[in-house]
Amino acid sequence: MLRGSKKKLTAKAAKTQREKENLAAFACFAVQKEIMEYTLRPSQTDILRYRGGKLGISAVPGSGKTFTLSALAAQIISSGALETDQDVLIVTLVNSAVDNFSARISQMVEARGLIPHLGYRVRTLHGLAHDIVREKPSLVGLEDRFQIVDDRESEFIRKESANAWLSTFPNHLDDYFDPEMDNNKRDWTRRQHLPDLVHSLGLAFIRTCKNYALAPEDLRAKLNEAPALLPLAEMGWWIYDKYQQALRYRGAVDFDDLIMYAHRILQSDAEYLARLQYRFPFILEDESQDSSAIQEKILRLLATNWVRVGDPNQAIFETFTTADPKLLRDFIAHEADVSRELPVSGRSQQAIIDVANYLIDWTSASHPAPAVRDALSVPHIQAAAPDDPQPNPPADPEGIRFIPNKFSPEEEVTAVVNSLKHWLPDHQDWTVAVLVPRNLRGTDVINALKAQKIEFVEFLNSTDQTRLTAGALGNVLSFLSEPTSPTKLARAYQV
């Protein structure tokens, strides 16, 4: 639970004295040239000069941002900048990153002769929101023992709501059909494509409403004031309202509710907000490019000293959530007291770096759709120095191959599967990934792989909870296969 300190801030003079002591402690703390046998790059050393305020960092893939944030957290903890009842809050995107950050910071703090696991808290954004809502559920109309539905149950409830709308309003979308379409094709489209389309629209609509902190009753009031009828918005409201009713019947919330309710609690309880602000005087935010508007608002309410690091060119979650990399770009450009870059990466060979940098330049200057020319931005990726602890793989221009053929969707799937069939026999110990733009295309690839009797592992429709459970079972089985291994035993207990 997030129990903010109830210690009251003392008089202004005492506070000023503490701030002076903190600054003095920072001034006496020299930035190390080497941390945990890891030689810092100049750009990393520059970031470790941070003392407070708002810092925005644009980081390229493989630039060591996790290490840099961990080192910065360890530095703040070691410097004496925190009171005994204060922590550095590290906020990241996924649960696997939580363990990674915790282990790194613990090692770095211990290497300085301090007690590990003290002085910091690592949470995902949803985990942080969950802590806040668990602390004050009554402020948002929840029982103390509310439940959280996982992605699979959430999808089931949403589909039921969408199907109910289709049954209640079977002709509501007729005006959106091509008037030249004959009746047989229209009926076929209603049966085969309309349900999936309405499900997708319902998901996007619900998530967008919660990102703007709009409950169904708030949206209903706005629609009642609209000067004209908005059929798609009416559809979205109906599905959203029925979805929330189903959640309330179960005494449950979904993950987007957690974010919306946490924001509402922080806005409505000034005393609780002040306690959390005191407890977490430094907030370090990882993967900031994948934060949504309401997630950013939560951190802005909490933050006194705020470090945001991310790669605006790698906003994967933007495709299927309300994440918006523009928020990070705007923060770096307009709000941060200081902005920095982590441009050096040893992850990829030079040919891949060249293609990535070319895409940034081409998109910004020559993309045929002017509206998306700000989709990618600098910094360009820079290769690591020859003596870098993480040097780039050897250059291999043949490692990238462009196929200029104009394929139909079916021909493209066939070409990919045939390529795999010829490549795999000579690369038995290698792993190859096939990336697809959407699940439907992935299903086509799977069917083609089955037809060619090529073994594969599919990750199209599994939820985060399913993957976590499978990973936990894998850890347990790994230990059972080698029960004398302390490392595998420890990993098995991380379930």
Protein backbone atom coordinates (compact mmCIF):
# COMPACT_ATOMS: atom_id res chain seq x y z
CA MET A 1 0.00 0.00 0.00
CA LEU A 2 1.06 3.60 -0.55
CA ARG A 3 1.02 5.03 2.91
CA GLY A 4 2.19 8.58 2.58
CA SER A 5 4.12 9.86 5.56
CA LYS A 6 1.95 11.64 8.12
CA LYS A 7 4.95 13.63 9.32
CA LYS A 8 4.03 17.30 8.97
CA LEU A 9 6.39 19.68 7.25
CA THR A 10 7.96 21.91 9.85
CA ALA A 11 8.43 25.66 9.73
CA LYS A 12 9.75 27.34 6.61
CA ALA A 13 13.16 27.94 8.15
CA ALA A 14 13.59 24.27 8.98
CA LYS A 15 12.53 23.30 5.49
CA THR A 16 15.01 25.75 3.99
CA GLN A 17 17.76 24.36 6.20
CA ARG A 18 16.97 20.82 5.10
CA GLU A 19 17.07 21.90 1.45
CA LYS A 20 20.49 23.48 2.04
CA GLU A 21 21.73 20.28 3.65
CA ASN A 22 20.43 18.27 0.72
CA LEU A 23 22.15 20.58 -1.75
CA ALA A 24 25.36 20.33 0.21
CA ALA A 25 25.12 16.57 0.22
CA PHE A 26 24.63 16.59 -3.53
CA ALA A 27 27.53 18.97 -4.06
CA CYS A 28 29.83 16.69 -2.10
CA PHE A 29 28.70 13.66 -4.06
CA ALA A 30 31.02 13.37 -7.08
CA VAL A 31 29.64 11.65 -10.14
CA GLN A 32 31.47 8.36 -10.44
CA LYS A 33 33.37 7.44 -13.59
CA GLU A 34 32.54 3.82 -13.06
CA ILE A 35 29.52 2.18 -11.38
CA MET A 36 29.33 -1.55 -10.80
CA GLU A 37 32.22 -2.14 -13.24
CA TYR A 38 30.24 -0.36 -15.95
CA THR A 39 32.03 2.47 -17.76
CA LEU A 40 29.67 5.38 -18.24
CA ARG A 41 29.26 7.02 -21.61
CA PRO A 42 29.57 10.84 -21.63
CA SER A 43 25.83 11.24 -22.19
CA GLN A 44 25.11 9.05 -19.15
CA THR A 45 27.59 10.96 -16.99
CA ASP A 46 25.87 14.19 -17.98
CA ILE A 47 22.50 12.88 -16.80
CA LEU A 48 23.98 11.83 -13.46
CA ARG A 49 24.70 15.51 -12.79
CA TYR A 50 20.97 15.94 -12.20
CA ARG A 51 20.17 17.57 -8.86
CA GLY A 52 16.46 18.32 -9.06
CA GLY A 53 13.67 19.90 -11.08
CA LYS A 54 12.21 18.55 -14.31
CA LEU A 55 14.52 16.63 -16.65
CA GLY A 56 13.44 15.24 -20.03
CA ILE A 57 15.54 12.59 -21.74
CA SER A 58 15.14 11.32 -25.30
CA ALA A 59 16.78 7.89 -25.51
CA VAL A 60 17.41 5.69 -28.53
CA PRO A 61 16.95 1.88 -28.36
CA GLY A 62 19.82 0.17 -26.55
CA SER A 63 21.22 3.38 -25.06
CA GLY A 64 21.29 2.05 -21.50
CA LYS A 65 18.39 4.05 -20.11
CA THR A 66 17.48 1.39 -17.54
CA PHE A 67 21.03 1.40 -16.22
CA THR A 68 21.17 5.20 -16.27
CA LEU A 69 17.91 5.60 -14.33
CA SER A 70 19.03 2.92 -11.86
CA ALA A 71 22.35 4.70 -11.34
CA LEU A 72 20.55 8.01 -10.88
CA ALA A 73 18.21 6.48 -8.29
CA ALA A 74 21.16 4.96 -6.41
CA GLN A 75 22.95 8.31 -6.53
CA ILE A 76 19.96 10.19 -5.07
CA ILE A 77 19.56 7.58 -2.31
CA SER A 78 23.27 7.68 -1.45
CA SER A 79 23.53 11.47 -1.49
CA GLY A 80 21.51 12.13 1.64
CA ALA A 81 18.82 14.02 -0.29
CA LEU A 82 16.05 11.91 1.28
CA GLU A 83 14.55 11.93 4.75
CA THR A 84 14.25 8.55 6.46
CA ASP A 85 10.55 8.35 5.56
CA GLN A 86 11.01 9.31 1.90
CA ASP A 87 11.66 7.22 -1.23
CA VAL A 88 12.64 7.69 -4.83
CA LEU A 89 9.69 6.48 -6.93
CA ILE A 90 10.65 4.70 -10.15
CA VAL A 91 7.67 4.26 -12.47
CA THR A 92 7.91 1.91 -15.42
CA LEU A 93 5.62 0.23 -17.93
CA VAL A 94 5.66 -3.54 -17.41
CA ASN A 95 6.13 -5.90 -14.47
CA SER A 96 9.33 -7.45 -15.85
CA ALA A 97 10.99 -4.02 -15.75
CA VAL A 98 10.04 -3.67 -12.06
CA ASP A 99 12.20 -6.67 -11.12
CA ASN A 100 15.04 -5.45 -13.33
CA PHE A 101 15.08 -1.98 -11.78
CA SER A 102 14.81 -3.34 -8.22
CA ALA A 103 17.74 -5.70 -8.69
CA ARG A 104 19.98 -3.08 -10.31
CA ILE A 105 19.29 -0.35 -7.75
CA SER A 106 19.70 -2.76 -4.86
CA GLN A 107 23.14 -3.83 -6.15
CA MET A 108 24.26 -0.26 -6.72
CA VAL A 109 23.11 0.91 -3.28
CA GLU A 110 24.74 -2.07 -1.59
CA ALA A 111 28.00 -1.39 -3.45
CA ARG A 112 28.05 2.03 -1.76
CA GLY A 113 27.90 0.35 1.65
CA LEU A 114 24.21 1.08 2.27
CA ILE A 115 21.35 -1.27 3.08
CA PRO A 116 19.71 -2.53 -0.13
CA HIS A 117 15.97 -2.31 -0.82
CA LEU A 118 15.59 0.92 1.17
CA GLY A 119 15.03 4.43 -0.13
CA TYR A 120 13.20 3.55 -3.34
CA ARG A 121 9.96 2.09 -4.66
CA VAL A 122 9.53 0.63 -8.15
CA ARG A 123 6.01 0.39 -9.56
CA THR A 124 4.28 0.12 -12.89
CA LEU A 125 1.87 2.95 -13.65
CA HIS A 126 -1.05 0.57 -13.16
CA GLY A 127 0.51 -0.78 -9.97
CA LEU A 128 0.88 2.76 -8.62
CA ALA A 129 -2.75 3.52 -9.52
CA HIS A 130 -3.84 0.29 -7.81
CA ASP A 131 -2.01 1.28 -4.62
CA ILE A 132 -3.76 4.67 -4.61
CA VAL A 133 -7.23 3.24 -5.22
CA ARG A 134 -6.76 0.50 -2.60
CA GLU A 135 -5.90 3.21 -0.09
CA LYS A 136 -9.02 5.32 -0.75
CA PRO A 137 -11.65 3.18 -2.55
CA SER A 138 -14.64 4.91 -0.96
CA LEU A 139 -13.72 8.21 -2.64
CA VAL A 140 -14.63 6.67 -6.02
CA GLY A 141 -17.60 4.61 -4.86
CA LEU A 142 -15.82 1.26 -4.54
CA GLU A 143 -16.00 -1.33 -1.79
CA ASP A 144 -12.81 -2.14 0.12
CA ARG A 145 -12.62 -5.58 -1.48
CA PHE A 146 -13.16 -4.61 -5.10
CA GLN A 147 -11.88 -6.97 -7.78
CA ILE A 148 -9.80 -6.29 -10.89
CA VAL A 149 -10.81 -8.06 -14.09
CA ASP A 150 -7.99 -9.26 -16.33
CA ASP A 151 -7.78 -8.60 -20.06
CA ARG A 152 -9.60 -11.78 -21.00
CA GLU A 153 -12.62 -11.16 -18.75
CA SER A 154 -12.70 -7.51 -19.75
CA GLU A 155 -12.84 -8.53 -23.41
CA PHE A 156 -15.64 -11.01 -22.69
CA ILE A 157 -17.76 -8.36 -20.94
CA ARG A 158 -17.09 -5.81 -23.67
CA LYS A 159 -18.06 -8.25 -26.42
CA GLU A 160 -21.28 -9.08 -24.59
CA SER A 161 -22.10 -5.38 -24.42
CA ALA A 162 -21.30 -4.88 -28.11
CA ASN A 163 -23.36 -7.92 -29.13
CA ALA A 164 -26.27 -6.63 -27.05
CA TRP A 165 -26.10 -3.33 -28.91
CA LEU A 166 -26.09 -5.12 -32.28
CA SER A 167 -29.16 -7.10 -31.28
CA THR A 168 -30.98 -4.02 -29.97
CA PHE A 169 -30.11 -1.74 -32.90
CA PRO A 170 -29.59 -4.06 -35.91
CA ASN A 171 -30.04 -1.30 -38.53
CA HIS A 172 -28.34 1.56 -36.70
CA LEU A 173 -25.30 1.58 -39.01
CA ASP A 174 -27.12 1.12 -42.33
CA ASP A 175 -26.30 4.65 -43.43
CA TYR A 176 -22.58 3.76 -43.29
CA PHE A 177 -22.86 0.98 -45.86
CA ASP A 178 -21.96 1.59 -49.49
CA PRO A 179 -25.30 2.40 -51.19
CA GLU A 180 -24.15 0.38 -54.24
CA MET A 181 -23.80 -2.78 -52.13
CA ASP A 182 -26.44 -5.41 -52.91
CA ASN A 183 -28.56 -6.93 -50.15
CA ASN A 184 -26.78 -10.28 -50.10
CA LYS A 185 -23.36 -8.69 -49.64
CA ARG A 186 -24.75 -6.31 -47.04
CA ASP A 187 -26.17 -9.21 -45.01
CA TRP A 188 -22.90 -11.09 -45.33
CA THR A 189 -20.97 -8.03 -44.12
CA ARG A 190 -23.32 -7.66 -41.15
CA ARG A 191 -22.67 -11.26 -40.14
CA GLN A 192 -18.96 -11.59 -40.91
CA HIS A 193 -17.39 -8.18 -40.33
CA LEU A 194 -19.70 -5.87 -38.41
CA PRO A 195 -19.45 -7.64 -35.02
CA ASP A 196 -15.63 -7.44 -34.95
CA LEU A 197 -15.76 -3.82 -36.08
CA VAL A 198 -18.22 -2.87 -33.34
CA HIS A 199 -16.12 -4.73 -30.75
CA SER A 200 -13.01 -2.79 -31.83
CA LEU A 201 -14.84 0.52 -31.84
CA GLY A 202 -16.22 -0.25 -28.38
CA LEU A 203 -12.75 -0.93 -27.00
CA ALA A 204 -11.29 2.26 -28.49
CA PHE A 205 -14.27 4.30 -27.32
CA ILE A 206 -14.16 3.03 -23.73
CA ARG A 207 -10.42 3.53 -23.40
CA THR A 208 -10.60 7.02 -24.85
CA CYS A 209 -13.41 8.02 -22.48
CA LYS A 210 -11.43 6.78 -19.47
CA ASN A 211 -8.32 8.55 -20.73
CA TYR A 212 -10.34 11.78 -20.61
CA ALA A 213 -11.78 10.79 -17.19
CA LEU A 214 -15.33 10.65 -18.61
CA ALA A 215 -17.78 8.32 -16.88
CA PRO A 216 -20.83 7.17 -18.88
CA GLU A 217 -23.03 9.77 -17.16
CA ASP A 218 -20.54 12.53 -18.05
CA LEU A 219 -20.58 11.48 -21.68
CA ARG A 220 -24.39 11.23 -21.69
CA ALA A 221 -24.63 14.83 -20.50
CA LYS A 222 -22.32 16.00 -23.28
CA LEU A 223 -24.25 14.07 -25.95
CA ASN A 224 -27.51 15.59 -24.71
CA GLU A 225 -25.99 19.03 -25.30
CA ALA A 226 -24.68 18.19 -28.79
CA PRO A 227 -26.30 20.27 -31.55
CA ALA A 228 -26.79 17.21 -33.79
CA LEU A 229 -27.27 13.48 -33.42
CA LEU A 230 -23.96 11.56 -33.37
CA PRO A 231 -24.81 7.93 -34.21
CA LEU A 232 -21.35 6.46 -33.60
CA ALA A 233 -20.94 8.36 -30.33
CA GLU A 234 -24.39 7.13 -29.25
CA MET A 235 -23.30 3.58 -30.04
CA GLY A 236 -20.09 4.03 -28.06
CA TRP A 237 -21.93 5.48 -25.07
CA TRP A 238 -24.44 2.59 -25.05
CA ILE A 239 -21.70 -0.05 -25.08
CA TYR A 240 -19.63 1.87 -22.49
CA ASP A 241 -22.62 2.24 -20.17
CA LYS A 242 -23.54 -1.46 -20.34
CA TYR A 243 -19.88 -2.43 -19.86
CA GLN A 244 -19.58 -0.33 -16.69
CA GLN A 245 -22.88 -1.71 -15.39
CA ALA A 246 -21.51 -5.24 -15.82
CA LEU A 247 -18.34 -4.31 -13.94
CA ARG A 248 -20.33 -2.74 -11.08
CA TYR A 249 -22.49 -5.87 -10.86
CA ARG A 250 -19.30 -7.87 -10.34
CA GLY A 251 -17.88 -5.37 -7.85
CA ALA A 252 -14.93 -5.01 -10.21
CA VAL A 253 -12.86 -2.52 -12.18
CA ASP A 254 -10.61 -2.88 -15.21
CA PHE A 255 -7.06 -1.56 -15.58
CA ASP A 256 -8.19 1.67 -17.22
CA ASP A 257 -10.57 2.29 -14.30
CA LEU A 258 -7.62 2.08 -11.92
CA ILE A 259 -5.89 4.94 -13.72
CA MET A 260 -9.06 7.05 -13.94
CA TYR A 261 -9.99 6.49 -10.29
CA ALA A 262 -6.45 7.15 -9.02
CA HIS A 263 -6.46 10.49 -10.81
CA ARG A 264 -9.87 11.32 -9.32
CA ILE A 265 -8.66 10.46 -5.78
CA LEU A 266 -5.56 12.64 -6.06
CA GLN A 267 -7.67 15.52 -7.31
CA SER A 268 -10.24 15.22 -4.53
CA ASP A 269 -8.07 14.52 -1.46
CA ALA A 270 -5.50 17.30 -1.02
CA GLU A 271 -4.19 15.94 2.29
CA TYR A 272 -3.53 12.49 0.83
CA LEU A 273 -1.88 14.03 -2.24
CA ALA A 274 0.40 16.12 -0.01
CA ARG A 275 1.47 13.02 1.90
CA LEU A 276 2.40 11.20 -1.30
CA GLN A 277 4.23 14.26 -2.63
CA TYR A 278 6.27 14.32 0.56
CA ARG A 279 6.96 10.58 0.50
CA PHE A 280 8.16 10.63 -3.12
CA PRO A 281 10.22 13.83 -3.62
CA PHE A 282 11.87 12.33 -6.73
CA ILE A 283 9.97 10.52 -9.49
CA LEU A 284 11.92 8.76 -12.26
CA GLU A 285 9.66 7.69 -15.13
CA ASP A 286 10.80 5.02 -17.56
CA GLU A 287 9.26 4.40 -21.03
CA SER A 288 7.55 7.80 -20.94
CA GLN A 289 6.65 7.61 -24.62
CA ASP A 290 3.99 5.03 -23.74
CA SER A 291 2.21 7.14 -21.11
CA SER A 292 -1.32 8.37 -21.77
CA ALA A 293 -2.69 11.81 -20.98
CA ILE A 294 -4.34 10.74 -17.73
CA GLN A 295 -1.26 8.79 -16.61
CA GLU A 296 0.82 11.90 -17.20
CA LYS A 297 -1.67 13.93 -15.13
CA ILE A 298 -1.25 11.52 -12.20
CA LEU A 299 2.52 11.90 -12.22
CA ARG A 300 2.27 15.67 -12.68
CA LEU A 301 0.12 15.88 -9.54
CA LEU A 302 2.63 13.80 -7.57
CA ALA A 303 5.90 15.15 -8.91
CA THR A 304 8.16 17.71 -7.30
CA ASN A 305 11.36 16.56 -9.00
CA TRP A 306 10.53 14.60 -12.16
CA VAL A 307 12.79 12.76 -14.60
CA ARG A 308 11.12 11.42 -17.75
CA VAL A 309 13.02 9.17 -20.14
CA GLY A 310 11.77 7.44 -23.26
CA ASP A 311 12.10 6.93 -26.99
CA PRO A 312 9.37 8.85 -28.87
CA ASN A 313 10.22 6.83 -32.00
CA GLN A 314 9.43 3.53 -30.27
CA ALA A 315 5.90 4.09 -28.94
CA ILE A 316 4.58 0.58 -29.54
CA PHE A 317 1.62 0.99 -27.16
CA GLU A 318 0.34 3.96 -29.18
CA THR A 319 -1.07 1.47 -31.70
CA PHE A 320 -3.56 -0.19 -29.35
CA THR A 321 -3.87 2.00 -26.24
CA THR A 322 -4.32 5.70 -25.50
CA ALA A 323 -0.55 6.18 -25.17
CA ASP A 324 0.70 9.33 -26.91
CA PRO A 325 4.43 9.93 -27.56
CA LYS A 326 3.66 13.58 -28.31
CA LEU A 327 3.27 14.09 -24.56
CA LEU A 328 6.94 13.24 -23.99
CA ARG A 329 8.05 15.37 -26.93
CA ASP A 330 6.10 18.34 -25.58
CA PHE A 331 7.50 17.82 -22.09
CA ILE A 332 11.07 17.77 -23.38
CA ALA A 333 10.54 20.79 -25.62
CA HIS A 334 8.44 23.05 -23.42
CA GLU A 335 8.19 21.92 -19.79
CA ALA A 336 11.49 20.35 -18.74
CA ASP A 337 13.98 22.61 -16.97
CA VAL A 338 16.73 20.67 -18.74
CA SER A 339 16.61 18.26 -21.69
CA ARG A 340 19.22 15.63 -22.49
CA GLU A 341 19.77 12.81 -25.00
CA LEU A 342 20.98 9.23 -24.77
CA PRO A 343 21.96 8.76 -28.43
CA VAL A 344 24.67 6.07 -28.23
CA SER A 345 23.66 2.43 -28.68
CA GLY A 346 25.63 -0.78 -29.07
CA ARG A 347 22.59 -2.93 -29.75
CA SER A 348 22.50 -3.00 -33.55
CA GLN A 349 24.93 -3.30 -36.42
CA GLN A 350 25.67 -0.24 -38.54
CA ALA A 351 23.35 -1.17 -41.43
CA ILE A 352 20.35 -1.24 -39.10
CA ILE A 353 21.39 2.07 -37.52
CA ASP A 354 21.67 3.65 -40.97
CA VAL A 355 18.19 2.49 -41.98
CA ALA A 356 16.66 3.72 -38.71
CA ASN A 357 18.29 7.15 -39.07
CA TYR A 358 17.27 7.37 -42.71
CA LEU A 359 13.65 6.67 -41.77
CA ILE A 360 13.73 9.55 -39.27
CA ASP A 361 15.02 11.95 -41.92
CA TRP A 362 12.75 10.70 -44.71
CA THR A 363 9.63 10.78 -42.54
CA SER A 364 10.36 14.32 -41.31
CA ALA A 365 11.15 15.75 -44.76
CA SER A 366 9.53 13.61 -47.45
CA HIS A 367 6.65 11.49 -46.15
CA PRO A 368 3.79 11.81 -48.69
CA ALA A 369 1.31 12.51 -45.86
CA PRO A 370 2.35 15.85 -44.28
CA ALA A 371 0.20 15.18 -41.22
CA VAL A 372 2.53 12.38 -40.07
CA ARG A 373 5.87 14.08 -40.72
CA ASP A 374 6.28 14.68 -37.00
CA ALA A 375 5.82 10.96 -36.19
CA LEU A 376 9.59 10.42 -35.85
CA SER A 377 12.18 12.76 -34.40
CA VAL A 378 15.85 13.06 -33.51
CA PRO A 379 18.15 12.09 -31.89
CA HIS A 380 19.74 9.89 -34.52
CA ILE A 381 21.25 6.66 -33.24
CA GLN A 382 25.01 6.84 -32.80
CA ALA A 383 27.19 3.73 -32.81
CA ALA A 384 29.18 3.03 -29.66
CA ALA A 385 32.90 3.75 -29.47
CA PRO A 386 35.25 0.80 -30.17
CA ASP A 387 36.20 0.58 -26.47
CA ASP A 388 32.58 0.81 -25.25
CA PRO A 389 31.53 -1.94 -22.80
CA GLN A 390 28.67 -2.77 -25.20
CA PRO A 391 30.19 -2.53 -28.70
CA ASN A 392 28.02 -2.84 -31.78
CA PRO A 393 27.88 -6.16 -33.65
CA PRO A 394 30.05 -6.32 -36.79
CA ALA A 395 28.65 -4.40 -39.74
CA ASP A 396 26.73 -6.61 -42.15
CA PRO A 397 25.00 -4.75 -45.00
CA GLU A 398 23.53 -8.06 -46.18
CA GLY A 399 21.73 -8.38 -42.86
CA ILE A 400 18.96 -6.15 -44.18
CA ARG A 401 17.13 -7.14 -47.33
CA PHE A 402 14.35 -5.20 -49.00
CA ILE A 403 12.01 -7.06 -51.32
CA PRO A 404 10.57 -4.64 -53.90
CA ASN A 405 7.90 -7.03 -55.20
CA LYS A 406 4.30 -5.90 -55.09
CA PHE A 407 2.57 -8.76 -53.29
CA SER A 408 -1.10 -9.32 -52.69
CA PRO A 409 -1.79 -10.18 -49.01
CA GLU A 410 -1.98 -13.89 -49.85
CA GLU A 411 1.21 -13.78 -51.92
CA GLU A 412 3.07 -12.01 -49.13
CA VAL A 413 2.14 -14.68 -46.58
CA THR A 414 3.22 -17.41 -49.01
CA ALA A 415 6.55 -15.68 -49.67
CA VAL A 416 7.28 -15.30 -45.94
CA VAL A 417 6.47 -18.92 -45.14
CA ASN A 418 8.51 -20.23 -48.10
CA SER A 419 11.44 -18.12 -46.94
CA LEU A 420 11.20 -19.65 -43.47
CA LYS A 421 10.99 -23.14 -44.92
CA HIS A 422 14.27 -22.67 -46.79
CA TRP A 423 16.05 -20.80 -43.98
CA LEU A 424 15.24 -22.94 -40.93
CA PRO A 425 17.04 -26.22 -41.89
CA ASP A 426 20.43 -24.44 -41.92
CA HIS A 427 19.72 -22.50 -38.69
CA GLN A 428 18.45 -25.14 -36.26
CA ASP A 429 19.75 -23.29 -33.18
CA TRP A 430 18.38 -19.88 -34.19
CA THR A 431 15.08 -18.19 -33.42
CA VAL A 432 13.16 -16.24 -36.02
CA ALA A 433 10.20 -13.92 -35.44
CA VAL A 434 7.40 -13.02 -37.83
CA LEU A 435 5.80 -9.66 -37.04
CA VAL A 436 2.30 -8.97 -38.34
CA PRO A 437 0.27 -5.73 -38.38
CA ARG A 438 -2.86 -7.26 -36.83
CA ASN A 439 -4.18 -10.53 -35.43
CA LEU A 440 -6.17 -11.42 -38.56
CA ARG A 441 -3.02 -11.40 -40.69
CA GLY A 442 -1.28 -13.41 -37.98
CA THR A 443 -3.97 -16.08 -38.30
CA ASP A 444 -3.23 -16.29 -42.03
CA VAL A 445 0.47 -16.79 -41.29
CA ILE A 446 -0.31 -19.49 -38.71
CA ASN A 447 -2.48 -21.40 -41.16
CA ALA A 448 0.26 -21.25 -43.78
CA LEU A 449 2.87 -22.47 -41.27
CA LYS A 450 0.63 -25.37 -40.32
CA ALA A 451 0.16 -26.28 -43.97
CA GLN A 452 3.96 -26.44 -44.39
CA LYS A 453 4.33 -28.37 -41.08
CA ILE A 454 6.60 -25.69 -39.61
CA GLU A 455 6.59 -25.60 -35.80
CA PHE A 456 5.94 -22.24 -34.17
CA VAL A 457 4.94 -20.50 -30.94
CA GLU A 458 2.03 -18.06 -31.25
CA PHE A 459 1.57 -14.89 -29.12
CA LEU A 460 -1.36 -13.26 -30.91
CA ASN A 461 -4.24 -13.63 -28.48
CA SER A 462 -2.62 -14.40 -25.14
CA THR A 463 -3.13 -11.83 -22.39
CA ASP A 464 -0.45 -10.37 -20.13
CA GLN A 465 -1.77 -12.52 -17.28
CA THR A 466 -1.54 -15.65 -19.44
CA ARG A 467 2.06 -14.89 -20.36
CA LEU A 468 2.95 -14.14 -16.72
CA THR A 469 1.39 -17.41 -15.60
CA ALA A 470 3.21 -19.35 -18.30
CA GLY A 471 6.47 -17.66 -17.32
CA ALA A 472 5.93 -18.53 -13.64
CA LEU A 473 5.24 -22.17 -14.52
CA GLY A 474 8.36 -22.16 -16.68
CA ASN A 475 10.43 -20.93 -13.73
CA VAL A 476 9.05 -23.69 -11.49
CA LEU A 477 9.71 -26.40 -14.10
CA SER A 478 13.20 -25.02 -14.66
CA PHE A 479 13.93 -25.38 -10.93
CA LEU A 480 12.48 -28.90 -10.81
CA SER A 481 14.81 -29.89 -13.63
CA GLU A 482 17.78 -28.67 -11.56
CA PRO A 483 16.69 -28.59 -7.88
CA THR A 484 20.21 -27.88 -6.57
CA SER A 485 20.43 -24.53 -8.37
CA PRO A 486 20.00 -21.57 -5.94
CA THR A 487 19.47 -19.20 -8.89
CA LYS A 488 16.61 -21.26 -10.31
CA LEU A 489 15.10 -21.64 -6.84
CA ALA A 490 15.12 -17.87 -6.33
CA ARG A 491 13.57 -17.33 -9.75
CA ALA A 492 10.81 -19.86 -8.95
CA TYR A 493 9.87 -17.82 -5.88
CA GLN A 494 9.43 -14.67 -7.97
CA VAL A 495 5.94 -15.86 -8.99
